[in-house]
PDB file of N, CA and C in Angstrom:
ATOM      1  N   MET A   1       0.731  -0.745  -0.243  1.00  0.00           N
ATOM      2  CA  MET A   1      -0.154  -0.093  -0.368  1.00  0.00           C
ATOM      3  C   MET A   1       1.444   1.348  -0.444  1.00  0.00           C
ATOM      4  N   GLY A   2       2.000   0.919   0.830  1.00  0.00           N
ATOM      5  CA  GLY A   2       3.232   2.539   0.596  1.00  0.00           C
ATOM      6  C   GLY A   2       3.549   2.592  -0.592  1.00  0.00           C
ATOM      7  N   VAL A   3       3.833   1.242  -1.054  1.00  0.00           N
ATOM      8  CA  VAL A   3       4.286   2.152  -3.064  1.00  0.00           C
ATOM      9  C   VAL A   3       3.191   2.567  -2.992  1.00  0.00           C
ATOM     10  N   LEU A   4       1.940   2.257  -3.394  1.00  0.00           N
ATOM     11  CA  LEU A   4       0.909   3.421  -4.985  1.00  0.00           C
ATOM     12  C   LEU A   4       0.937   4.179  -3.934  1.00  0.00           C
ATOM     13  N   PHE A   5       0.653   4.559  -2.900  1.00  0.00           N
ATOM     14  CA  PHE A   5       0.490   5.888  -1.886  1.00  0.00           C
ATOM     15  C   PHE A   5       1.877   6.582  -2.762  1.00  0.00           C
ATOM     16  N   LEU A   6       2.965   6.374  -2.524  1.00  0.00           N
ATOM     17  CA  LEU A   6       3.779   6.890  -3.872  1.00  0.00           C
ATOM     18  C   LEU A   6       3.728   7.262  -4.699  1.00  0.00           C
ATOM     19  N   ALA A   7       2.961   6.106  -5.304  1.00  0.00           N
ATOM     20  CA  ALA A   7       3.358   6.325  -6.750  1.00  0.00           C
ATOM     21  C   ALA A   7       1.951   7.487  -7.306  1.00  0.00           C
ATOM     22  N   TYR A   8       1.379   7.253  -6.201  1.00  0.00           N
ATOM     23  CA  TYR A   8      -0.573   8.400  -6.442  1.00  0.00           C
ATOM     24  C   TYR A   8       0.269  10.014  -6.435  1.00  0.00           C
ATOM     25  N   LEU A   9       0.908   9.589  -4.921  1.00  0.00           N
ATOM     26  CA  LEU A   9       0.921  10.918  -5.030  1.00  0.00           C
ATOM     27  C   LEU A   9       2.267  11.784  -5.979  1.00  0.00           C
ATOM     28  N   TRP A  10       3.289  10.814  -6.123  1.00  0.00           N
ATOM     29  CA  TRP A  10       3.818  11.798  -7.383  1.00  0.00           C
ATOM     30  C   TRP A  10       3.054  11.941  -9.249  1.00  0.00           C
ATOM     31  N   GLU A  11       2.003  11.373  -9.093  1.00  0.00           N
ATOM     32  CA  GLU A  11       1.146  11.843 -10.178  1.00  0.00           C
ATOM     33  C   GLU A  11       0.101  12.338  -9.535  1.00  0.00           C
ATOM     34  N   THR A  12      -0.363  13.257  -8.791  1.00  0.00           N
ATOM     35  CA  THR A  12      -0.462  14.577  -8.176  1.00  0.00           C
ATOM     36  C   THR A  12       0.198  15.523  -8.647  1.00  0.00           C
ATOM     37  N   ILE A  13       1.341  14.950  -8.133  1.00  0.00           N
ATOM     38  CA  ILE A  13       2.322  16.230  -7.715  1.00  0.00           C
ATOM     39  C   ILE A  13       2.903  16.252  -9.208  1.00  0.00           C
ATOM     40  N   GLU A  14       2.876  15.504 -10.095  1.00  0.00           N
ATOM     41  CA  GLU A  14       3.117  15.568 -11.250  1.00  0.00           C
ATOM     42  C   GLU A  14       2.074  16.133 -12.906  1.00  0.00           C
ATOM     43  N   HIS A  15       0.594  15.665 -12.068  1.00  0.00           N
ATOM     44  CA  HIS A  15      -0.126  17.033 -12.503  1.00  0.00           C
ATOM     45  C   HIS A  15       0.102  18.056 -12.896  1.00  0.00           C
ATOM     46  N   TYR A  16       0.251  18.117 -12.046  1.00  0.00           N
ATOM     47  CA  TYR A  16      -0.244  20.099 -10.875  1.00  0.00           C
ATOM     48  C   TYR A  16       1.047  20.992 -11.923  1.00  0.00           C
ATOM     49  N   LEU A  17       2.612  19.865 -11.695  1.00  0.00           N
ATOM     50  CA  LEU A  17       3.510  20.862 -12.787  1.00  0.00           C
ATOM     51  C   LEU A  17       2.830  20.477 -14.003  1.00  0.00           C
ATOM     52  N   GLU A  18       2.136  20.026 -14.926  1.00  0.00           N
ATOM     53  CA  GLU A  18       2.327  19.904 -15.966  1.00  0.00           C
ATOM     54  C   GLU A  18       1.085  20.855 -15.943  1.00  0.00           C
ATOM     55  N   VAL A  19      -0.313  21.244 -15.035  1.00  0.00           N
ATOM     56  CA  VAL A  19      -1.067  22.580 -15.784  1.00  0.00           C
ATOM     57  C   VAL A  19       0.143  23.749 -15.187  1.00  0.00           C
ATOM     58  N   GLY A  20       0.845  23.586 -15.194  1.00  0.00           N
ATOM     59  CA  GLY A  20       1.880  25.073 -14.801  1.00  0.00           C
ATOM     60  C   GLY A  20       2.271  25.665 -13.447  1.00  0.00           C
ATOM     61  N   THR A  21       1.313  24.939 -12.388  1.00  0.00           N
ATOM     62  CA  THR A  21       1.767  25.871 -11.235  1.00  0.00           C
ATOM     63  C   THR A  21       3.299  25.672 -10.258  1.00  0.00           C
ATOM     64  N   ALA A  22       4.026  25.520 -11.393  1.00  0.00           N
ATOM     65  CA  ALA A  22       5.583  25.537 -11.052  1.00  0.00           C
ATOM     66  C   ALA A  22       6.133  26.374 -12.083  1.00  0.00           C
ATOM     67  N   GLY A  23       5.468  27.235 -12.856  1.00  0.00           N
ATOM     68  CA  GLY A  23       5.780  27.795 -13.960  1.00  0.00           C
ATOM     69  C   GLY A  23       5.750  27.617 -15.155  1.00  0.00           C
ATOM     70  N   ALA A  24       5.461  28.049 -16.399  1.00  0.00           N
ATOM     71  CA  ALA A  24       5.048  27.839 -17.763  1.00  0.00           C
ATOM     72  C   ALA A  24       6.294  27.702 -18.313  1.00  0.00           C
ATOM     73  N   TRP A  25       7.991  27.924 -17.747  1.00  0.00           N
ATOM     74  CA  TRP A  25       9.225  26.693 -18.194  1.00  0.00           C
ATOM     75  C   TRP A  25       8.424  25.258 -17.762  1.00  0.00           C
ATOM     76  N   LEU A  26       8.240  25.119 -16.831  1.00  0.00           N
ATOM     77  CA  LEU A  26       7.906  23.556 -16.536  1.00  0.00           C
ATOM     78  C   LEU A  26       6.734  22.980 -17.224  1.00  0.00           C
ATOM     79  N   GLU A  27       6.134  23.486 -17.594  1.00  0.00           N
ATOM     80  CA  GLU A  27       4.684  23.613 -18.156  1.00  0.00           C
ATOM     81  C   GLU A  27       5.449  22.929 -19.677  1.00  0.00           C
ATOM     82  N   TYR A  28       5.838  23.857 -20.595  1.00  0.00           N
ATOM     83  CA  TYR A  28       6.866  23.818 -21.718  1.00  0.00           C
ATOM     84  C   TYR A  28       7.399  22.493 -21.843  1.00  0.00           C
ATOM     85  N   TRP A  29       8.199  22.104 -20.726  1.00  0.00           N
ATOM     86  CA  TRP A  29       9.105  20.832 -20.742  1.00  0.00           C
ATOM     87  C   TRP A  29       8.569  19.894 -20.730  1.00  0.00           C
ATOM     88  N   PHE A  30       6.941  19.895 -20.146  1.00  0.00           N
ATOM     89  CA  PHE A  30       6.065  18.301 -20.043  1.00  0.00           C
ATOM     90  C   PHE A  30       5.559  17.919 -20.667  1.00  0.00           C
ATOM     91  N   GLN A  31       5.097  19.233 -21.565  1.00  0.00           N
ATOM     92  CA  GLN A  31       4.444  19.303 -23.297  1.00  0.00           C
ATOM     93  C   GLN A  31       3.696  18.369 -23.290  1.00  0.00           C
ATOM     94  N   GLY A  32       2.265  19.601 -22.160  1.00  0.00           N
ATOM     95  CA  GLY A  32       0.999  18.741 -22.355  1.00  0.00           C
ATOM     96  C   GLY A  32       0.361  17.763 -20.669  1.00  0.00           C
ATOM     97  N   VAL A  33      -0.551  17.724 -21.038  1.00  0.00           N
ATOM     98  CA  VAL A  33      -1.320  16.691 -19.493  1.00  0.00           C
ATOM     99  C   VAL A  33      -1.095  15.676 -19.885  1.00  0.00           C
ATOM    100  N   GLU A  34      -0.596  14.622 -19.622  1.00  0.00           N
ATOM    101  CA  GLU A  34      -0.711  12.956 -19.471  1.00  0.00           C
ATOM    102  C   GLU A  34      -2.090  12.382 -19.454  1.00  0.00           C
ATOM    103  N   PHE A  35      -2.917  11.581 -20.447  1.00  0.00           N
ATOM    104  CA  PHE A  35      -3.437  10.255 -20.655  1.00  0.00           C
ATOM    105  C   PHE A  35      -4.126  10.285 -19.626  1.00  0.00           C
ATOM    106  N   TRP A  36      -5.136   9.951 -19.069  1.00  0.00           N
ATOM    107  CA  TRP A  36      -5.557   9.350 -17.872  1.00  0.00           C
ATOM    108  C   TRP A  36      -5.314   8.650 -16.835  1.00  0.00           C
ATOM    109  N   PRO A  37      -5.738   7.388 -18.282  1.00  0.00           N
ATOM    110  CA  PRO A  37      -5.490   5.902 -17.922  1.00  0.00           C
ATOM    111  C   PRO A  37      -4.087   5.496 -17.387  1.00  0.00           C
ATOM    112  N   ASN A  38      -3.429   6.255 -18.081  1.00  0.00           N
ATOM    113  CA  ASN A  38      -1.876   5.993 -18.075  1.00  0.00           C
ATOM    114  C   ASN A  38      -1.558   6.799 -16.794  1.00  0.00           C
ATOM    115  N   ARG A  39      -2.062   8.164 -15.995  1.00  0.00           N
ATOM    116  CA  ARG A  39      -1.881   8.267 -14.976  1.00  0.00           C
ATOM    117  C   ARG A  39      -2.735   7.621 -13.851  1.00  0.00           C
ATOM    118  N   ILE A  40      -3.793   7.198 -13.436  1.00  0.00           N
ATOM    119  CA  ILE A  40      -4.684   6.094 -13.073  1.00  0.00           C
ATOM    120  C   ILE A  40      -3.979   4.953 -12.761  1.00  0.00           C
ATOM    121  N   ILE A  41      -3.439   4.147 -14.273  1.00  0.00           N
ATOM    122  CA  ILE A  41      -3.657   2.864 -14.134  1.00  0.00           C
ATOM    123  C   ILE A  41      -2.331   2.090 -14.505  1.00  0.00           C
ATOM    124  N   ALA A  42      -1.261   2.642 -15.507  1.00  0.00           N
ATOM    125  CA  ALA A  42       0.101   1.889 -16.051  1.00  0.00           C
ATOM    126  C   ALA A  42       0.993   2.821 -15.297  1.00  0.00           C
ATOM    127  N   ASP A  43       0.786   3.486 -14.848  1.00  0.00           N
ATOM    128  CA  ASP A  43       2.436   4.147 -14.445  1.00  0.00           C
ATOM    129  C   ASP A  43       2.816   4.006 -13.083  1.00  0.00           C
ATOM    130  N   PRO A  44       0.871   4.144 -12.302  1.00  0.00           N
ATOM    131  CA  PRO A  44       1.713   2.646 -10.652  1.00  0.00           C
ATOM    132  C   PRO A  44       1.709   1.630 -10.697  1.00  0.00           C
ATOM    133  N   LEU A  45       1.151   0.629 -11.866  1.00  0.00           N
ATOM    134  CA  LEU A  45       1.508  -0.484 -12.220  1.00  0.00           C
ATOM    135  C   LEU A  45       2.131  -0.719 -12.252  1.00  0.00           C
ATOM    136  N   MET A  46       3.108   0.295 -13.192  1.00  0.00           N
ATOM    137  CA  MET A  46       4.672  -0.045 -13.362  1.00  0.00           C
ATOM    138  C   MET A  46       5.272  -0.231 -12.457  1.00  0.00           C
ATOM    139  N   LEU A  47       4.982   0.928 -11.423  1.00  0.00           N
ATOM    140  CA  LEU A  47       5.731   1.150 -10.257  1.00  0.00           C
ATOM    141  C   LEU A  47       5.835   0.124  -8.969  1.00  0.00           C
ATOM    142  N   VAL A  48       4.682  -0.646  -8.730  1.00  0.00           N
ATOM    143  CA  VAL A  48       3.906  -1.517  -8.227  1.00  0.00           C
ATOM    144  C   VAL A  48       5.032  -2.810  -8.995  1.00  0.00           C
ATOM    145  N   LEU A  49       5.468  -3.040 -10.563  1.00  0.00           N
ATOM    146  CA  LEU A  49       5.559  -4.292 -11.261  1.00  0.00           C
ATOM    147  C   LEU A  49       7.452  -4.628 -10.545  1.00  0.00           C
ATOM    148  N   GLY A  50       7.277  -2.581 -10.811  1.00  0.00           N
ATOM    149  CA  GLY A  50       9.582  -2.723 -11.172  1.00  0.00           C
ATOM    150  C   GLY A  50       9.676  -3.351  -9.388  1.00  0.00           C
ATOM    151  N   TYR A  51       8.710  -2.981  -8.473  1.00  0.00           N
ATOM    152  CA  TYR A  51       9.200  -2.709  -6.944  1.00  0.00           C
ATOM    153  C   TYR A  51       8.722  -4.369  -6.623  1.00  0.00           C
ATOM    154  N   MET A  52       8.358  -5.302  -6.702  1.00  0.00           N
ATOM    155  CA  MET A  52       7.648  -6.434  -6.869  1.00  0.00           C
ATOM    156  C   MET A  52       9.141  -7.536  -7.537  1.00  0.00           C
ATOM    157  N   ILE A  53       9.534  -6.487  -8.534  1.00  0.00           N
ATOM    158  CA  ILE A  53      10.945  -7.365  -9.172  1.00  0.00           C
ATOM    159  C   ILE A  53      12.283  -6.964  -8.566  1.00  0.00           C
ATOM    160  N   ALA A  54      12.692  -5.881  -7.401  1.00  0.00           N
ATOM    161  CA  ALA A  54      13.399  -5.138  -7.132  1.00  0.00           C
ATOM    162  C   ALA A  54      13.343  -6.001  -5.428  1.00  0.00           C
ATOM    163  N   LYS A  55      11.929  -6.522  -5.682  1.00  0.00           N
ATOM    164  CA  LYS A  55      12.518  -7.348  -4.142  1.00  0.00           C
ATOM    165  C   LYS A  55      12.880  -8.853  -4.587  1.00  0.00           C
ATOM    166  N   LYS A  56      12.123  -9.698  -5.731  1.00  0.00           N
ATOM    167  CA  LYS A  56      12.461 -10.992  -5.962  1.00  0.00           C
ATOM    168  C   LYS A  56      13.798 -10.627  -6.458  1.00  0.00           C
ATOM    169  N   TYR A  57      14.298  -9.800  -7.528  1.00  0.00           N
ATOM    170  CA  TYR A  57      15.980  -9.698  -7.493  1.00  0.00           C
ATOM    171  C   TYR A  57      17.051  -8.985  -7.321  1.00  0.00           C
ATOM    172  N   PRO A  58      16.924  -8.685  -6.183  1.00  0.00           N
ATOM    173  CA  PRO A  58      17.665  -7.606  -6.230  1.00  0.00           C
ATOM    174  C   PRO A  58      19.320  -7.063  -6.579  1.00  0.00           C
ATOM    175  N   GLN A  59      19.673  -7.979  -6.755  1.00  0.00           N
ATOM    176  CA  GLN A  59      20.492  -7.147  -7.909  1.00  0.00           C
ATOM    177  C   GLN A  59      20.537  -6.759  -8.979  1.00  0.00           C
ATOM    178  N   LEU A  60      19.345  -6.525  -9.460  1.00  0.00           N
ATOM    179  CA  LEU A  60      18.932  -5.472 -10.717  1.00  0.00           C
ATOM    180  C   LEU A  60      19.000  -4.192 -10.148  1.00  0.00           C
ATOM    181  N   VAL A  61      18.698  -4.075  -9.151  1.00  0.00           N
ATOM    182  CA  VAL A  61      18.228  -2.596  -8.446  1.00  0.00           C
ATOM    183  C   VAL A  61      19.475  -1.601  -8.982  1.00  0.00           C
ATOM    184  N   ILE A  62      20.955  -1.733  -8.761  1.00  0.00           N
ATOM    185  CA  ILE A  62      21.794  -0.925  -9.043  1.00  0.00           C
ATOM    186  C   ILE A  62      21.913  -0.600 -10.638  1.00  0.00           C
ATOM    187  N   PRO A  63      22.058  -1.959 -11.287  1.00  0.00           N
ATOM    188  CA  PRO A  63      21.735  -1.432 -12.755  1.00  0.00           C
ATOM    189  C   PRO A  63      20.715  -0.861 -12.685  1.00  0.00           C
ATOM    190  N   ALA A  64      18.900  -0.265 -12.657  1.00  0.00           N
ATOM    191  CA  ALA A  64      17.894  -0.657 -12.826  1.00  0.00           C
ATOM    192  C   ALA A  64      18.184   1.110 -12.140  1.00  0.00           C
ATOM    193  N   ARG A  65      19.081   1.598 -11.601  1.00  0.00           N
ATOM    194  CA  ARG A  65      19.251   2.998 -11.259  1.00  0.00           C
ATOM    195  C   ARG A  65      19.747   3.510 -11.813  1.00  0.00           C
ATOM    196  N   ILE A  66      21.093   2.973 -11.961  1.00  0.00           N
ATOM    197  CA  ILE A  66      22.307   3.216 -13.302  1.00  0.00           C
ATOM    198  C   ILE A  66      21.403   3.926 -14.267  1.00  0.00           C
ATOM    199  N   PHE A  67      20.896   2.837 -14.869  1.00  0.00           N
ATOM    200  CA  PHE A  67      19.856   2.939 -16.378  1.00  0.00           C
ATOM    201  C   PHE A  67      18.669   4.575 -15.625  1.00  0.00           C
ATOM    202  N   SER A  68      18.072   4.425 -15.008  1.00  0.00           N
ATOM    203  CA  SER A  68      16.889   6.009 -14.540  1.00  0.00           C
ATOM    204  C   SER A  68      17.627   6.911 -14.297  1.00  0.00           C
ATOM    205  N   ILE A  69      18.917   6.994 -13.775  1.00  0.00           N
ATOM    206  CA  ILE A  69      19.667   7.949 -13.468  1.00  0.00           C
ATOM    207  C   ILE A  69      20.117   9.292 -15.038  1.00  0.00           C
ATOM    208  N   ALA A  70      20.611   7.672 -15.915  1.00  0.00           N
ATOM    209  CA  ALA A  70      21.691   8.043 -17.164  1.00  0.00           C
ATOM    210  C   ALA A  70      20.139   8.901 -18.514  1.00  0.00           C
ATOM    211  N   TRP A  71      18.482   7.652 -17.745  1.00  0.00           N
ATOM    212  CA  TRP A  71      17.797   8.551 -18.280  1.00  0.00           C
ATOM    213  C   TRP A  71      16.744   9.780 -18.127  1.00  0.00           C
ATOM    214  N   LEU A  72      17.180   9.695 -17.051  1.00  0.00           N
ATOM    215  CA  LEU A  72      16.593  11.526 -16.930  1.00  0.00           C
ATOM    216  C   LEU A  72      17.536  12.326 -16.709  1.00  0.00           C
ATOM    217  N   LEU A  73      18.533  12.186 -16.659  1.00  0.00           N
ATOM    218  CA  LEU A  73      20.382  13.671 -16.529  1.00  0.00           C
ATOM    219  C   LEU A  73      19.697  13.845 -18.592  1.00  0.00           C
ATOM    220  N   THR A  74      19.492  12.768 -19.488  1.00  0.00           N
ATOM    221  CA  THR A  74      19.606  12.586 -20.799  1.00  0.00           C
ATOM    222  C   THR A  74      18.455  13.798 -20.711  1.00  0.00           C
ATOM    223  N   HIS A  75      16.998  12.879 -20.268  1.00  0.00           N
ATOM    224  CA  HIS A  75      15.753  14.055 -20.659  1.00  0.00           C
ATOM    225  C   HIS A  75      15.567  15.482 -19.775  1.00  0.00           C
ATOM    226  N   LEU A  76      16.853  15.713 -18.999  1.00  0.00           N
ATOM    227  CA  LEU A  76      16.461  17.083 -17.891  1.00  0.00           C
ATOM    228  C   LEU A  76      17.680  18.332 -19.048  1.00  0.00           C
ATOM    229  N   PHE A  77      18.622  17.419 -19.825  1.00  0.00           N
ATOM    230  CA  PHE A  77      20.005  18.315 -19.936  1.00  0.00           C
ATOM    231  C   PHE A  77      20.392  18.375 -22.071  1.00  0.00           C
ATOM    232  N   ILE A  78      19.395  17.370 -22.365  1.00  0.00           N
ATOM    233  CA  ILE A  78      20.080  17.507 -23.352  1.00  0.00           C
ATOM    234  C   ILE A  78      18.683  17.594 -24.347  1.00  0.00           C
ATOM    235  N   PHE A  79      17.765  16.541 -24.279  1.00  0.00           N
ATOM    236  CA  PHE A  79      16.341  17.021 -24.535  1.00  0.00           C
ATOM    237  C   PHE A  79      15.907  18.429 -24.543  1.00  0.00           C
ATOM    238  N   PRO A  80      14.776  18.804 -25.425  1.00  0.00           N
ATOM    239  CA  PRO A  80      15.095  20.182 -25.130  1.00  0.00           C
ATOM    240  C   PRO A  80      13.505  20.251 -24.130  1.00  0.00           C
ATOM    241  N   HIS A  81      12.629  18.654 -24.200  1.00  0.00           N
ATOM    242  CA  HIS A  81      11.572  18.844 -23.197  1.00  0.00           C
ATOM    243  C   HIS A  81      11.034  17.400 -23.425  1.00  0.00           C
ATOM    244  N   SER A  82      10.265  16.810 -22.309  1.00  0.00           N
ATOM    245  CA  SER A  82      10.335  15.585 -22.367  1.00  0.00           C
ATOM    246  C   SER A  82       9.590  15.072 -23.423  1.00  0.00           C
ATOM    247  N   MET A  83       8.746  15.297 -24.174  1.00  0.00           N
ATOM    248  CA  MET A  83       8.632  14.355 -25.401  1.00  0.00           C
ATOM    249  C   MET A  83       9.029  14.542 -26.754  1.00  0.00           C
ATOM    250  N   TYR A  84      10.378  14.806 -26.820  1.00  0.00           N
ATOM    251  CA  TYR A  84      11.308  14.572 -27.616  1.00  0.00           C
ATOM    252  C   TYR A  84      11.438  13.408 -28.639  1.00  0.00           C
ATOM    253  N   LEU A  85      11.051  12.564 -27.967  1.00  0.00           N
ATOM    254  CA  LEU A  85      11.895  11.192 -28.558  1.00  0.00           C
ATOM    255  C   LEU A  85      10.232  10.998 -29.317  1.00  0.00           C
ATOM    256  N   HIS A  86       8.975  11.585 -28.525  1.00  0.00           N
ATOM    257  CA  HIS A  86       8.073  11.230 -29.314  1.00  0.00           C
ATOM    258  C   HIS A  86       8.228  11.849 -30.646  1.00  0.00           C
ATOM    259  N   ASP A  87       8.532  13.640 -30.584  1.00  0.00           N
ATOM    260  CA  ASP A  87       8.484  14.532 -31.913  1.00  0.00           C
ATOM    261  C   ASP A  87       9.022  13.707 -32.938  1.00  0.00           C
ATOM    262  N   LEU A  88      10.535  13.083 -32.409  1.00  0.00           N
ATOM    263  CA  LEU A  88      11.452  12.679 -33.016  1.00  0.00           C
ATOM    264  C   LEU A  88      10.976  11.418 -34.105  1.00  0.00           C
ATOM    265  N   PHE A  89      10.819  10.742 -33.239  1.00  0.00           N
ATOM    266  CA  PHE A  89      10.443   9.408 -34.219  1.00  0.00           C
ATOM    267  C   PHE A  89       8.644   9.326 -34.249  1.00  0.00           C
TER     268      PHE A  89
END
């Protein structure tokens, strides 16, 4: 239940960032509001599945963290906005 709480807490924060409560520059970076089934169903489900995989295979945690940090830094400091790959392909 704690993992789901964190998932929905992040989704709530993310929604408010997407609608521009933290400034127009961040609203531009998010490139719009996420599709609601993705926000309510898919994202929390992926977090719970990731948690279950990490509990069962703890040796995957460090490679997953490295990949996640690289993905985040690439999107924050190289790409102009979060949907850049979607626009590109």
